[in-house]
Amino acid sequence: MELNTPDERDRGQVGIGTLIVFIAMVLVAAIAAGVLINTAGFLQTKSQQTGEQSGEQVTNRIQLASITSQNISGSTNRVVQVNATASRAPGADTINLKEVTIQWVGPEVVKTLKHGGAETLGSDGTGDLNYAVRPNATHFTTTILKNAAGGANDVLNSDADVVRFSFAAGSGASASGEGITDGLDPGDQVTLRVVTASNGRTVQSISVPDSLTGKSVVSL
């Protein structure tokens, strides 16, 4: 009896074809699984990085406490200097004030200000306060009012540290005679956007009182 009948040969060819298709399906499934595993790992890493960055933006920021202003005496009666007392937000890491930028969005002007230096309180020989640096049209200055942890005078190391930001709204507050604007009139509004190196953001709106007559310092 002949073993290799046409029917048996046909069945053998069909079996080999099925085996080839099965192997191809296994290979495709293995490749797809590898791609999915790699993609899942990549997405997990990216989501972790995004979560960390988002956390830093929320926590590593500066919170503003009180904002006061000084105005020019005389007929102009405008605010020329704005002082903002601040500290780092709860849970924030060390904040280097040199890396902080502040956007001033005020009447008719928008400027991004950089750190111009840390003010050093002293005396000019007459008993008046003397500052080593002053704010101007492009820079704000800082003064550490409380340094609980010690260290540099332009770094917030502790939640207990307190800093004062100074802005030259008008030329009367700047040693160079250059202010961010010509000064703030009664009723003017300004928005301060404080951004740390970790992209932590704080937005604070301030308003000048409707009357500055007879006042040297007012709360904004």
N, C-alpha and C. Protein backbone atom coordinates (compact mmCIF):
# COMPACT_ATOMS: atom_id res chain seq x y z
N MET A 1 0.85 -1.21 0.00
CA MET A 1 0.00 0.00 0.00
C MET A 1 0.88 1.25 0.00
N GLU A 2 0.59 2.19 -0.91
CA GLU A 2 1.40 3.41 -1.01
C GLU A 2 1.01 4.39 0.09
N LEU A 3 2.06 4.89 0.84
CA LEU A 3 1.80 5.79 1.97
C LEU A 3 1.56 7.23 1.54
N ASN A 4 2.33 7.66 0.53
CA ASN A 4 2.26 9.07 0.11
C ASN A 4 1.16 9.25 -0.92
N THR A 5 -0.03 9.13 -0.46
CA THR A 5 -1.16 9.39 -1.36
C THR A 5 -1.34 10.89 -1.52
N PRO A 6 -2.01 11.33 -2.59
CA PRO A 6 -2.22 12.78 -2.78
C PRO A 6 -2.90 13.44 -1.60
N ASP A 7 -3.84 12.72 -0.94
CA ASP A 7 -4.54 13.32 0.20
C ASP A 7 -3.59 13.56 1.36
N GLU A 8 -2.71 12.62 1.62
CA GLU A 8 -1.77 12.76 2.73
C GLU A 8 -0.77 13.89 2.48
N ARG A 9 -0.32 14.00 1.22
CA ARG A 9 0.61 15.09 0.89
C ARG A 9 -0.08 16.44 1.07
N ASP A 10 -1.33 16.54 0.67
CA ASP A 10 -2.06 17.80 0.83
C ASP A 10 -2.21 18.16 2.30
N ARG A 11 -2.53 17.14 3.12
CA ARG A 11 -2.68 17.40 4.54
C ARG A 11 -1.35 17.84 5.16
N GLY A 12 -0.25 17.28 4.72
CA GLY A 12 1.07 17.67 5.23
C GLY A 12 1.40 19.11 4.90
N GLN A 13 1.08 19.52 3.67
CA GLN A 13 1.34 20.90 3.26
C GLN A 13 0.49 21.88 4.08
N VAL A 14 -0.78 21.48 4.29
CA VAL A 14 -1.65 22.34 5.10
C VAL A 14 -1.13 22.46 6.52
N GLY A 15 -0.64 21.35 7.08
CA GLY A 15 -0.09 21.38 8.44
C GLY A 15 1.12 22.26 8.55
N ILE A 16 2.02 22.19 7.55
CA ILE A 16 3.22 23.05 7.56
C ILE A 16 2.82 24.52 7.45
N GLY A 17 1.84 24.80 6.58
CA GLY A 17 1.37 26.18 6.45
C GLY A 17 0.78 26.70 7.74
N THR A 18 0.00 25.85 8.41
CA THR A 18 -0.60 26.26 9.69
C THR A 18 0.49 26.52 10.73
N LEU A 19 1.53 25.66 10.73
CA LEU A 19 2.63 25.84 11.67
C LEU A 19 3.37 27.15 11.42
N ILE A 20 3.57 27.47 10.15
CA ILE A 20 4.26 28.72 9.80
C ILE A 20 3.43 29.92 10.27
N VAL A 21 2.12 29.86 10.02
CA VAL A 21 1.24 30.95 10.46
C VAL A 21 1.25 31.07 11.98
N PHE A 22 1.25 29.94 12.68
CA PHE A 22 1.27 29.96 14.15
C PHE A 22 2.55 30.59 14.67
N ILE A 23 3.69 30.18 14.07
CA ILE A 23 4.98 30.76 14.50
C ILE A 23 5.00 32.26 14.24
N ALA A 24 4.47 32.68 13.09
CA ALA A 24 4.44 34.10 12.77
C ALA A 24 3.58 34.87 13.78
N MET A 25 2.44 34.29 14.16
CA MET A 25 1.58 34.93 15.15
C MET A 25 2.27 35.05 16.50
N VAL A 26 3.01 34.01 16.89
CA VAL A 26 3.75 34.06 18.15
C VAL A 26 4.81 35.14 18.12
N LEU A 27 5.53 35.24 16.99
CA LEU A 27 6.56 36.27 16.86
C LEU A 27 5.96 37.67 16.92
N VAL A 28 4.84 37.86 16.20
CA VAL A 28 4.18 39.17 16.22
C VAL A 28 3.71 39.52 17.63
N ALA A 29 3.13 38.52 18.32
CA ALA A 29 2.66 38.76 19.68
C ALA A 29 3.82 39.10 20.61
N ALA A 30 4.96 38.41 20.44
CA ALA A 30 6.12 38.69 21.29
C ALA A 30 6.65 40.09 21.05
N ILE A 31 6.71 40.48 19.76
CA ILE A 31 7.19 41.84 19.44
C ILE A 31 6.25 42.88 20.00
N ALA A 32 4.93 42.64 19.83
CA ALA A 32 3.94 43.59 20.34
C ALA A 32 4.03 43.70 21.86
N ALA A 33 4.22 42.55 22.53
CA ALA A 33 4.34 42.57 23.98
C ALA A 33 5.57 43.36 24.41
N GLY A 34 6.68 43.19 23.69
CA GLY A 34 7.89 43.95 24.02
C GLY A 34 7.69 45.43 23.86
N VAL A 35 6.99 45.81 22.76
CA VAL A 35 6.71 47.23 22.53
C VAL A 35 5.82 47.79 23.64
N LEU A 36 4.80 47.01 24.02
CA LEU A 36 3.90 47.47 25.09
C LEU A 36 4.63 47.62 26.41
N ILE A 37 5.50 46.68 26.72
CA ILE A 37 6.26 46.74 27.98
C ILE A 37 7.17 47.96 27.99
N ASN A 38 7.88 48.18 26.86
CA ASN A 38 8.77 49.34 26.78
C ASN A 38 7.98 50.64 26.87
N THR A 39 6.83 50.69 26.19
CA THR A 39 5.99 51.90 26.23
C THR A 39 5.47 52.16 27.63
N ALA A 40 5.04 51.08 28.30
CA ALA A 40 4.54 51.23 29.67
C ALA A 40 5.62 51.75 30.61
N GLY A 41 6.83 51.22 30.46
CA GLY A 41 7.94 51.70 31.29
C GLY A 41 8.27 53.15 31.02
N PHE A 42 8.25 53.52 29.73
CA PHE A 42 8.53 54.92 29.36
C PHE A 42 7.47 55.85 29.93
N LEU A 43 6.19 55.45 29.79
CA LEU A 43 5.10 56.29 30.31
C LEU A 43 5.16 56.40 31.82
N GLN A 44 5.54 55.31 32.49
CA GLN A 44 5.65 55.35 33.94
C GLN A 44 6.73 56.33 34.38
N THR A 45 7.88 56.28 33.67
CA THR A 45 8.98 57.20 33.99
C THR A 45 8.56 58.64 33.76
N LYS A 46 7.91 58.89 32.61
CA LYS A 46 7.49 60.25 32.29
C LYS A 46 6.45 60.75 33.29
N SER A 47 5.50 59.88 33.66
CA SER A 47 4.48 60.30 34.62
C SER A 47 5.09 60.59 35.98
N GLN A 48 6.11 59.82 36.37
CA GLN A 48 6.78 60.07 37.64
C GLN A 48 7.51 61.41 37.61
N GLN A 49 8.21 61.68 36.49
CA GLN A 49 8.90 62.95 36.36
C GLN A 49 7.92 64.11 36.36
N THR A 50 6.80 63.92 35.64
CA THR A 50 5.78 64.97 35.60
C THR A 50 5.20 65.22 36.97
N GLY A 51 4.96 64.13 37.71
CA GLY A 51 4.43 64.28 39.07
C GLY A 51 5.39 65.01 39.98
N GLU A 52 6.68 64.69 39.86
CA GLU A 52 7.68 65.37 40.69
C GLU A 52 7.75 66.85 40.34
N GLN A 53 7.75 67.15 39.02
CA GLN A 53 7.81 68.54 38.61
C GLN A 53 6.57 69.31 39.06
N SER A 54 5.40 68.67 38.94
CA SER A 54 4.17 69.32 39.38
C SER A 54 4.19 69.57 40.88
N GLY A 55 4.72 68.60 41.63
CA GLY A 55 4.83 68.77 43.08
C GLY A 55 5.75 69.92 43.44
N GLU A 56 6.87 70.05 42.72
CA GLU A 56 7.79 71.14 42.99
C GLU A 56 7.16 72.49 42.68
N GLN A 57 6.37 72.54 41.59
CA GLN A 57 5.72 73.79 41.23
C GLN A 57 4.71 74.23 42.27
N VAL A 58 4.09 73.25 42.92
CA VAL A 58 3.08 73.57 43.94
C VAL A 58 3.74 73.96 45.26
N THR A 59 4.79 73.24 45.65
CA THR A 59 5.38 73.45 46.98
C THR A 59 6.55 74.43 46.97
N ASN A 60 7.42 74.38 45.97
CA ASN A 60 8.61 75.23 45.96
C ASN A 60 8.28 76.62 45.43
N ARG A 61 7.55 77.35 46.22
CA ARG A 61 7.16 78.69 45.82
C ARG A 61 7.26 79.64 47.02
N ILE A 62 7.11 80.91 46.72
CA ILE A 62 7.19 81.95 47.75
C ILE A 62 5.79 82.49 48.00
N GLN A 63 5.45 82.65 49.27
CA GLN A 63 4.16 83.23 49.61
C GLN A 63 4.36 84.64 50.15
N LEU A 64 3.58 85.56 49.61
CA LEU A 64 3.66 86.96 50.01
C LEU A 64 2.74 87.21 51.20
N ALA A 65 3.25 87.93 52.18
CA ALA A 65 2.48 88.19 53.40
C ALA A 65 1.86 89.58 53.37
N SER A 66 2.67 90.61 53.53
CA SER A 66 2.16 91.98 53.55
C SER A 66 2.89 92.81 52.50
N ILE A 67 2.18 93.75 51.91
CA ILE A 67 2.75 94.63 50.89
C ILE A 67 2.45 96.06 51.26
N THR A 68 3.48 96.87 51.33
CA THR A 68 3.32 98.28 51.67
C THR A 68 3.99 99.14 50.60
N SER A 69 3.70 100.42 50.64
CA SER A 69 4.27 101.32 49.64
C SER A 69 4.74 102.61 50.29
N GLN A 70 5.68 103.26 49.64
CA GLN A 70 6.15 104.57 50.04
C GLN A 70 5.87 105.52 48.89
N ASN A 71 5.37 106.72 49.19
CA ASN A 71 5.01 107.64 48.10
C ASN A 71 5.85 108.91 48.16
N ILE A 72 5.96 109.53 47.02
CA ILE A 72 6.72 110.78 46.93
C ILE A 72 5.97 111.88 47.66
N SER A 73 6.68 112.66 48.43
CA SER A 73 6.07 113.83 49.06
C SER A 73 6.02 114.97 48.05
N GLY A 74 5.10 115.83 48.22
CA GLY A 74 5.00 116.96 47.31
C GLY A 74 3.82 116.84 46.37
N SER A 75 3.88 117.58 45.28
CA SER A 75 2.72 117.69 44.39
C SER A 75 2.45 116.42 43.60
N THR A 76 3.47 115.63 43.32
CA THR A 76 3.25 114.43 42.52
C THR A 76 2.44 113.38 43.27
N ASN A 77 2.72 113.20 44.54
CA ASN A 77 1.92 112.33 45.41
C ASN A 77 1.73 110.94 44.79
N ARG A 78 2.80 110.33 44.36
CA ARG A 78 2.75 109.00 43.75
C ARG A 78 3.57 108.01 44.55
N VAL A 79 3.19 106.74 44.46
CA VAL A 79 3.96 105.66 45.09
C VAL A 79 5.21 105.41 44.24
N VAL A 80 6.37 105.45 44.86
CA VAL A 80 7.61 105.20 44.13
C VAL A 80 8.30 103.91 44.54
N GLN A 81 7.96 103.36 45.70
CA GLN A 81 8.58 102.11 46.11
C GLN A 81 7.52 101.18 46.70
N VAL A 82 7.62 99.91 46.29
CA VAL A 82 6.72 98.87 46.80
C VAL A 82 7.57 97.85 47.54
N ASN A 83 7.20 97.54 48.78
CA ASN A 83 7.90 96.54 49.57
C ASN A 83 6.96 95.37 49.87
N ALA A 84 7.40 94.16 49.59
CA ALA A 84 6.59 92.97 49.83
C ALA A 84 7.33 92.04 50.78
N THR A 85 6.72 91.76 51.93
CA THR A 85 7.29 90.82 52.90
C THR A 85 6.82 89.41 52.55
N ALA A 86 7.77 88.46 52.53
CA ALA A 86 7.42 87.11 52.07
C ALA A 86 8.25 86.06 52.79
N SER A 87 7.85 84.82 52.62
CA SER A 87 8.58 83.66 53.12
C SER A 87 8.33 82.51 52.15
N ARG A 88 9.01 81.41 52.34
CA ARG A 88 8.76 80.28 51.46
C ARG A 88 7.51 79.53 51.92
N ALA A 89 6.82 78.91 50.98
CA ALA A 89 5.58 78.20 51.28
C ALA A 89 5.88 76.95 52.11
N PRO A 90 4.91 76.50 52.93
CA PRO A 90 5.12 75.27 53.72
C PRO A 90 5.45 74.08 52.82
N GLY A 91 6.48 73.33 53.22
CA GLY A 91 6.90 72.17 52.45
C GLY A 91 7.89 72.47 51.35
N ALA A 92 8.22 73.73 51.15
CA ALA A 92 9.15 74.10 50.08
C ALA A 92 10.58 73.77 50.48
N ASP A 93 11.39 73.49 49.46
CA ASP A 93 12.82 73.28 49.69
C ASP A 93 13.53 74.64 49.76
N THR A 94 14.84 74.60 49.88
CA THR A 94 15.63 75.83 49.91
C THR A 94 15.39 76.63 48.63
N ILE A 95 15.15 77.91 48.77
CA ILE A 95 14.89 78.78 47.62
C ILE A 95 15.99 79.83 47.52
N ASN A 96 16.67 79.81 46.39
CA ASN A 96 17.72 80.79 46.12
C ASN A 96 17.08 82.02 45.49
N LEU A 97 17.12 83.13 46.17
CA LEU A 97 16.47 84.34 45.69
C LEU A 97 17.13 84.89 44.43
N LYS A 98 18.38 84.53 44.19
CA LYS A 98 19.05 84.97 42.97
C LYS A 98 18.41 84.38 41.71
N GLU A 99 17.73 83.25 41.88
CA GLU A 99 17.12 82.57 40.74
C GLU A 99 15.63 82.88 40.60
N VAL A 100 15.13 83.78 41.43
CA VAL A 100 13.73 84.17 41.37
C VAL A 100 13.53 85.28 40.34
N THR A 101 12.47 85.20 39.56
CA THR A 101 12.09 86.28 38.67
C THR A 101 10.68 86.74 39.05
N ILE A 102 10.41 88.03 38.86
CA ILE A 102 9.10 88.58 39.21
C ILE A 102 8.60 89.41 38.03
N GLN A 103 7.42 89.06 37.57
CA GLN A 103 6.80 89.84 36.50
C GLN A 103 5.91 90.92 37.11
N TRP A 104 6.17 92.14 36.70
CA TRP A 104 5.39 93.28 37.16
C TRP A 104 4.39 93.63 36.07
N VAL A 105 3.11 93.44 36.35
CA VAL A 105 2.06 93.78 35.40
C VAL A 105 1.30 94.95 35.97
N GLY A 106 1.70 96.15 35.57
CA GLY A 106 1.13 97.35 36.15
C GLY A 106 0.51 98.23 35.10
N PRO A 107 -0.01 99.36 35.51
CA PRO A 107 -0.66 100.25 34.55
C PRO A 107 0.29 100.65 33.42
N GLU A 108 -0.07 100.24 32.23
CA GLU A 108 0.62 100.63 30.99
C GLU A 108 2.02 100.04 30.85
N VAL A 109 2.41 99.08 31.69
CA VAL A 109 3.74 98.50 31.55
C VAL A 109 3.75 97.07 32.08
N VAL A 110 4.48 96.20 31.37
CA VAL A 110 4.70 94.83 31.81
C VAL A 110 6.20 94.56 31.72
N LYS A 111 6.81 94.19 32.86
CA LYS A 111 8.25 93.96 32.88
C LYS A 111 8.57 92.73 33.71
N THR A 112 9.58 91.99 33.26
CA THR A 112 10.08 90.86 34.04
C THR A 112 11.35 91.30 34.74
N LEU A 113 11.32 91.27 36.06
CA LEU A 113 12.42 91.78 36.87
C LEU A 113 13.27 90.63 37.40
N LYS A 114 14.58 90.83 37.42
CA LYS A 114 15.51 89.86 37.97
C LYS A 114 16.05 90.35 39.31
N HIS A 115 16.71 89.44 40.01
CA HIS A 115 17.29 89.78 41.31
C HIS A 115 18.51 90.67 41.09
N GLY A 116 18.50 91.84 41.71
CA GLY A 116 19.59 92.78 41.52
C GLY A 116 20.60 92.77 42.64
N GLY A 117 20.33 92.04 43.72
CA GLY A 117 21.27 92.00 44.83
C GLY A 117 20.54 92.02 46.16
N ALA A 118 21.27 91.72 47.20
CA ALA A 118 20.72 91.73 48.56
C ALA A 118 21.10 93.05 49.23
N GLU A 119 20.10 93.75 49.71
CA GLU A 119 20.36 95.02 50.37
C GLU A 119 21.01 94.81 51.74
N THR A 120 21.95 95.64 52.06
CA THR A 120 22.61 95.58 53.36
C THR A 120 22.26 96.84 54.14
N LEU A 121 21.56 96.66 55.23
CA LEU A 121 21.18 97.82 56.03
C LEU A 121 22.38 98.36 56.80
N GLY A 122 22.56 99.66 56.75
CA GLY A 122 23.66 100.28 57.47
C GLY A 122 23.33 101.75 57.72
N SER A 123 24.33 102.54 58.01
CA SER A 123 24.14 103.96 58.24
C SER A 123 25.05 104.74 57.31
N ASP A 124 24.54 105.85 56.80
CA ASP A 124 25.36 106.67 55.90
C ASP A 124 26.17 107.71 56.67
N GLY A 125 26.21 107.59 58.01
CA GLY A 125 26.98 108.53 58.82
C GLY A 125 26.11 109.60 59.46
N THR A 126 24.89 109.75 58.97
CA THR A 126 23.99 110.76 59.52
C THR A 126 22.86 110.11 60.32
N GLY A 127 22.89 108.79 60.39
CA GLY A 127 21.83 108.09 61.10
C GLY A 127 20.77 107.53 60.17
N ASP A 128 20.77 107.99 58.90
CA ASP A 128 19.81 107.46 57.92
C ASP A 128 20.30 106.12 57.39
N LEU A 129 19.34 105.27 57.01
CA LEU A 129 19.70 103.97 56.47
C LEU A 129 20.39 104.12 55.13
N ASN A 130 21.39 103.31 54.92
CA ASN A 130 22.14 103.32 53.68
C ASN A 130 22.11 101.92 53.07
N TYR A 131 21.83 101.82 51.79
CA TYR A 131 21.72 100.53 51.12
C TYR A 131 22.85 100.38 50.10
N ALA A 132 23.42 99.17 50.10
CA ALA A 132 24.50 98.92 49.14
C ALA A 132 23.95 98.86 47.72
N VAL A 133 22.74 98.33 47.55
CA VAL A 133 22.11 98.26 46.23
C VAL A 133 20.67 98.73 46.37
N ARG A 134 20.12 99.23 45.28
CA ARG A 134 18.74 99.69 45.27
C ARG A 134 18.03 99.10 44.05
N PRO A 135 16.71 98.93 44.12
CA PRO A 135 15.98 98.43 42.96
C PRO A 135 15.95 99.47 41.84
N ASN A 136 15.68 99.01 40.62
CA ASN A 136 15.57 99.94 39.51
C ASN A 136 14.56 99.42 38.49
N ALA A 137 14.68 99.85 37.24
CA ALA A 137 13.68 99.53 36.23
C ALA A 137 13.73 98.08 35.78
N THR A 138 14.83 97.38 36.04
CA THR A 138 14.97 96.00 35.57
C THR A 138 15.21 95.00 36.68
N HIS A 139 15.47 95.48 37.90
CA HIS A 139 15.83 94.59 39.00
C HIS A 139 15.05 94.91 40.27
N PHE A 140 14.71 93.89 41.01
CA PHE A 140 14.22 94.06 42.37
C PHE A 140 15.36 93.69 43.32
N THR A 141 15.27 94.11 44.55
CA THR A 141 16.28 93.76 45.55
C THR A 141 15.61 93.05 46.72
N THR A 142 16.41 92.38 47.52
CA THR A 142 15.88 91.64 48.66
C THR A 142 16.65 92.00 49.93
N THR A 143 15.95 91.92 51.04
CA THR A 143 16.55 92.10 52.36
C THR A 143 16.04 90.99 53.26
N ILE A 144 16.94 90.19 53.80
CA ILE A 144 16.54 89.14 54.73
C ILE A 144 16.22 89.78 56.08
N LEU A 145 14.96 89.73 56.48
CA LEU A 145 14.55 90.33 57.74
C LEU A 145 14.72 89.35 58.90
N LYS A 146 14.61 88.06 58.60
CA LYS A 146 14.79 87.03 59.63
C LYS A 146 15.49 85.83 59.00
N ASN A 147 16.62 85.48 59.57
CA ASN A 147 17.42 84.37 59.05
C ASN A 147 17.55 83.32 60.15
N ALA A 148 16.51 82.50 60.29
CA ALA A 148 16.45 81.54 61.41
C ALA A 148 17.53 80.48 61.34
N ALA A 149 17.84 80.01 60.12
CA ALA A 149 18.80 78.93 59.96
C ALA A 149 20.21 79.44 59.69
N GLY A 150 20.38 80.74 59.56
CA GLY A 150 21.69 81.29 59.23
C GLY A 150 22.02 81.06 57.77
N GLY A 151 23.21 81.41 57.36
CA GLY A 151 23.63 81.19 55.99
C GLY A 151 23.57 82.47 55.16
N ALA A 152 23.52 82.29 53.84
CA ALA A 152 23.59 83.42 52.92
C ALA A 152 22.38 84.33 53.08
N ASN A 153 22.57 85.63 52.75
CA ASN A 153 21.49 86.59 52.91
C ASN A 153 20.62 86.69 51.67
N ASP A 154 20.76 85.75 50.73
CA ASP A 154 19.89 85.73 49.55
C ASP A 154 19.30 84.33 49.33
N VAL A 155 19.19 83.57 50.43
CA VAL A 155 18.65 82.21 50.36
C VAL A 155 17.64 82.02 51.50
N LEU A 156 16.49 81.41 51.17
CA LEU A 156 15.51 81.04 52.19
C LEU A 156 15.73 79.58 52.54
N ASN A 157 16.32 79.33 53.72
CA ASN A 157 16.64 77.97 54.15
C ASN A 157 15.57 77.35 55.02
N SER A 158 14.72 78.17 55.61
CA SER A 158 13.75 77.69 56.60
C SER A 158 12.41 78.36 56.37
N ASP A 159 11.34 77.68 56.81
CA ASP A 159 10.01 78.29 56.74
C ASP A 159 9.91 79.52 57.63
N ALA A 160 10.81 79.64 58.60
CA ALA A 160 10.79 80.78 59.51
C ALA A 160 11.53 81.99 58.94
N ASP A 161 12.29 81.81 57.86
CA ASP A 161 13.00 82.93 57.25
C ASP A 161 12.00 83.90 56.63
N VAL A 162 12.31 85.19 56.74
CA VAL A 162 11.44 86.23 56.19
C VAL A 162 12.28 87.15 55.32
N VAL A 163 11.78 87.47 54.13
CA VAL A 163 12.50 88.33 53.19
C VAL A 163 11.60 89.49 52.78
N ARG A 164 12.23 90.61 52.45
CA ARG A 164 11.49 91.74 51.92
C ARG A 164 11.96 92.00 50.49
N PHE A 165 11.00 91.99 49.56
CA PHE A 165 11.28 92.36 48.17
C PHE A 165 11.02 93.85 48.02
N SER A 166 11.92 94.54 47.33
CA SER A 166 11.75 95.98 47.10
C SER A 166 11.71 96.25 45.60
N PHE A 167 10.73 97.07 45.18
CA PHE A 167 10.54 97.41 43.78
C PHE A 167 10.57 98.92 43.61
N ALA A 168 11.24 99.39 42.57
CA ALA A 168 11.28 100.82 42.27
C ALA A 168 10.14 101.12 41.31
N ALA A 169 8.98 101.44 41.86
CA ALA A 169 7.84 101.77 41.00
C ALA A 169 8.09 103.07 40.26
N GLY A 170 8.79 103.99 40.92
CA GLY A 170 9.14 105.26 40.31
C GLY A 170 10.60 105.58 40.51
N SER A 171 11.08 106.61 39.86
CA SER A 171 12.51 106.93 39.90
C SER A 171 12.99 107.35 41.28
N GLY A 172 12.08 107.79 42.14
CA GLY A 172 12.48 108.24 43.46
C GLY A 172 13.02 107.15 44.36
N ALA A 173 12.79 105.88 43.98
CA ALA A 173 13.27 104.77 44.80
C ALA A 173 14.54 104.15 44.25
N SER A 174 15.01 104.65 43.12
CA SER A 174 16.15 104.04 42.46
C SER A 174 17.38 104.93 42.54
N ALA A 175 18.51 104.31 42.88
CA ALA A 175 19.76 105.07 42.95
C ALA A 175 20.16 105.57 41.56
N SER A 176 19.76 104.83 40.52
CA SER A 176 20.10 105.22 39.15
C SER A 176 19.09 106.18 38.56
N GLY A 177 18.02 106.44 39.30
CA GLY A 177 17.00 107.35 38.79
C GLY A 177 16.05 106.70 37.82
N GLU A 178 16.08 105.37 37.73
CA GLU A 178 15.21 104.66 36.79
C GLU A 178 14.21 103.80 37.55
N GLY A 179 12.95 104.01 37.28
CA GLY A 179 11.90 103.22 37.90
C GLY A 179 11.19 102.35 36.88
N ILE A 180 10.41 101.39 37.36
CA ILE A 180 9.65 100.53 36.47
C ILE A 180 8.68 101.37 35.64
N THR A 181 8.10 102.38 36.29
CA THR A 181 7.21 103.30 35.61
C THR A 181 7.45 104.69 36.22
N ASP A 182 6.56 105.62 35.98
CA ASP A 182 6.72 106.96 36.55
C ASP A 182 6.18 107.04 37.97
N GLY A 183 5.79 105.91 38.52
CA GLY A 183 5.18 105.88 39.84
C GLY A 183 3.73 105.46 39.73
N LEU A 184 3.15 105.09 40.85
CA LEU A 184 1.77 104.63 40.87
C LEU A 184 0.86 105.70 41.44
N ASP A 185 -0.19 106.02 40.70
CA ASP A 185 -1.16 107.01 41.15
C ASP A 185 -2.23 106.36 42.02
N PRO A 186 -2.95 107.14 42.81
CA PRO A 186 -4.05 106.59 43.60
C PRO A 186 -5.04 105.81 42.71
N GLY A 187 -5.42 104.62 43.17
CA GLY A 187 -6.35 103.80 42.43
C GLY A 187 -5.70 102.84 41.44
N ASP A 188 -4.38 102.99 41.18
CA ASP A 188 -3.70 102.09 40.25
C ASP A 188 -3.64 100.67 40.82
N GLN A 189 -3.60 99.69 39.93
CA GLN A 189 -3.50 98.28 40.32
C GLN A 189 -2.30 97.63 39.63
N VAL A 190 -1.64 96.74 40.37
CA VAL A 190 -0.47 96.01 39.86
C VAL A 190 -0.61 94.54 40.24
N THR A 191 -0.18 93.67 39.34
CA THR A 191 -0.14 92.23 39.63
C THR A 191 1.32 91.78 39.65
N LEU A 192 1.71 91.10 40.72
CA LEU A 192 3.06 90.55 40.85
C LEU A 192 3.00 89.04 40.65
N ARG A 193 3.81 88.53 39.75
CA ARG A 193 3.89 87.09 39.51
C ARG A 193 5.30 86.63 39.86
N VAL A 194 5.41 85.94 40.98
CA VAL A 194 6.71 85.51 41.50
C VAL A 194 6.96 84.06 41.05
N VAL A 195 8.11 83.84 40.39
CA VAL A 195 8.43 82.52 39.86
C VAL A 195 9.80 82.08 40.40
N THR A 196 9.85 80.91 41.03
CA THR A 196 11.11 80.37 41.56
C THR A 196 11.80 79.53 40.48
N ALA A 197 13.00 79.04 40.81
CA ALA A 197 13.76 78.22 39.86
C ALA A 197 13.04 76.92 39.52
N SER A 198 12.21 76.41 40.44
CA SER A 198 11.44 75.19 40.20
C SER A 198 10.12 75.47 39.49
N ASN A 199 9.95 76.70 39.04
CA ASN A 199 8.74 77.14 38.34
C ASN A 199 7.53 77.20 39.28
N GLY A 200 7.80 77.30 40.58
CA GLY A 200 6.72 77.53 41.54
C GLY A 200 6.24 78.96 41.40
N ARG A 201 4.93 79.13 41.27
CA ARG A 201 4.38 80.45 40.95
C ARG A 201 3.46 80.97 42.06
N THR A 202 3.58 82.27 42.29
CA THR A 202 2.69 82.97 43.22
C THR A 202 2.22 84.24 42.53
N VAL A 203 0.91 84.45 42.52
CA VAL A 203 0.34 85.64 41.89
C VAL A 203 -0.36 86.47 42.96
N GLN A 204 -0.01 87.76 43.00
CA GLN A 204 -0.58 88.65 44.01
C GLN A 204 -0.96 89.98 43.35
N SER A 205 -2.19 90.40 43.54
CA SER A 205 -2.65 91.69 43.02
C SER A 205 -2.63 92.72 44.14
N ILE A 206 -2.19 93.93 43.80
CA ILE A 206 -2.15 95.01 44.79
C ILE A 206 -2.85 96.23 44.21
N SER A 207 -3.40 97.04 45.09
CA SER A 207 -4.12 98.24 44.67
C SER A 207 -3.66 99.42 45.52
N VAL A 208 -3.45 100.54 44.87
CA VAL A 208 -3.07 101.76 45.57
C VAL A 208 -4.34 102.43 46.10
N PRO A 209 -4.34 102.85 47.35
CA PRO A 209 -5.54 103.53 47.91
C PRO A 209 -5.93 104.74 47.07
N ASP A 210 -7.19 105.13 47.19
CA ASP A 210 -7.69 106.25 46.40
C ASP A 210 -7.11 107.58 46.84
N SER A 211 -6.54 107.63 48.04
CA SER A 211 -5.97 108.88 48.52
C SER A 211 -4.62 108.61 49.18
N LEU A 212 -3.62 109.40 48.79
CA LEU A 212 -2.29 109.29 49.38
C LEU A 212 -1.90 110.58 50.12
N THR A 213 -2.79 111.50 50.17
CA THR A 213 -2.48 112.80 50.75
C THR A 213 -2.08 112.68 52.22
N GLY A 214 -0.91 113.23 52.54
CA GLY A 214 -0.43 113.24 53.91
C GLY A 214 0.08 111.92 54.42
N LYS A 215 0.25 110.95 53.53
CA LYS A 215 0.71 109.63 53.95
C LYS A 215 2.09 109.33 53.35
N SER A 216 2.96 108.71 54.16
CA SER A 216 4.27 108.32 53.66
C SER A 216 4.36 106.83 53.39
N VAL A 217 3.56 106.06 54.11
CA VAL A 217 3.52 104.60 53.91
C VAL A 217 2.07 104.15 53.97
N VAL A 218 1.67 103.33 53.00
CA VAL A 218 0.29 102.81 52.98
C VAL A 218 0.35 101.31 52.70
N SER A 219 -0.70 100.63 53.09
CA SER A 219 -0.81 99.20 52.84
C SER A 219 -1.53 98.99 51.52
N LEU A 220 -1.01 98.09 50.71
CA LEU A 220 -1.60 97.81 49.39
C LEU A 220 -2.43 96.54 49.43
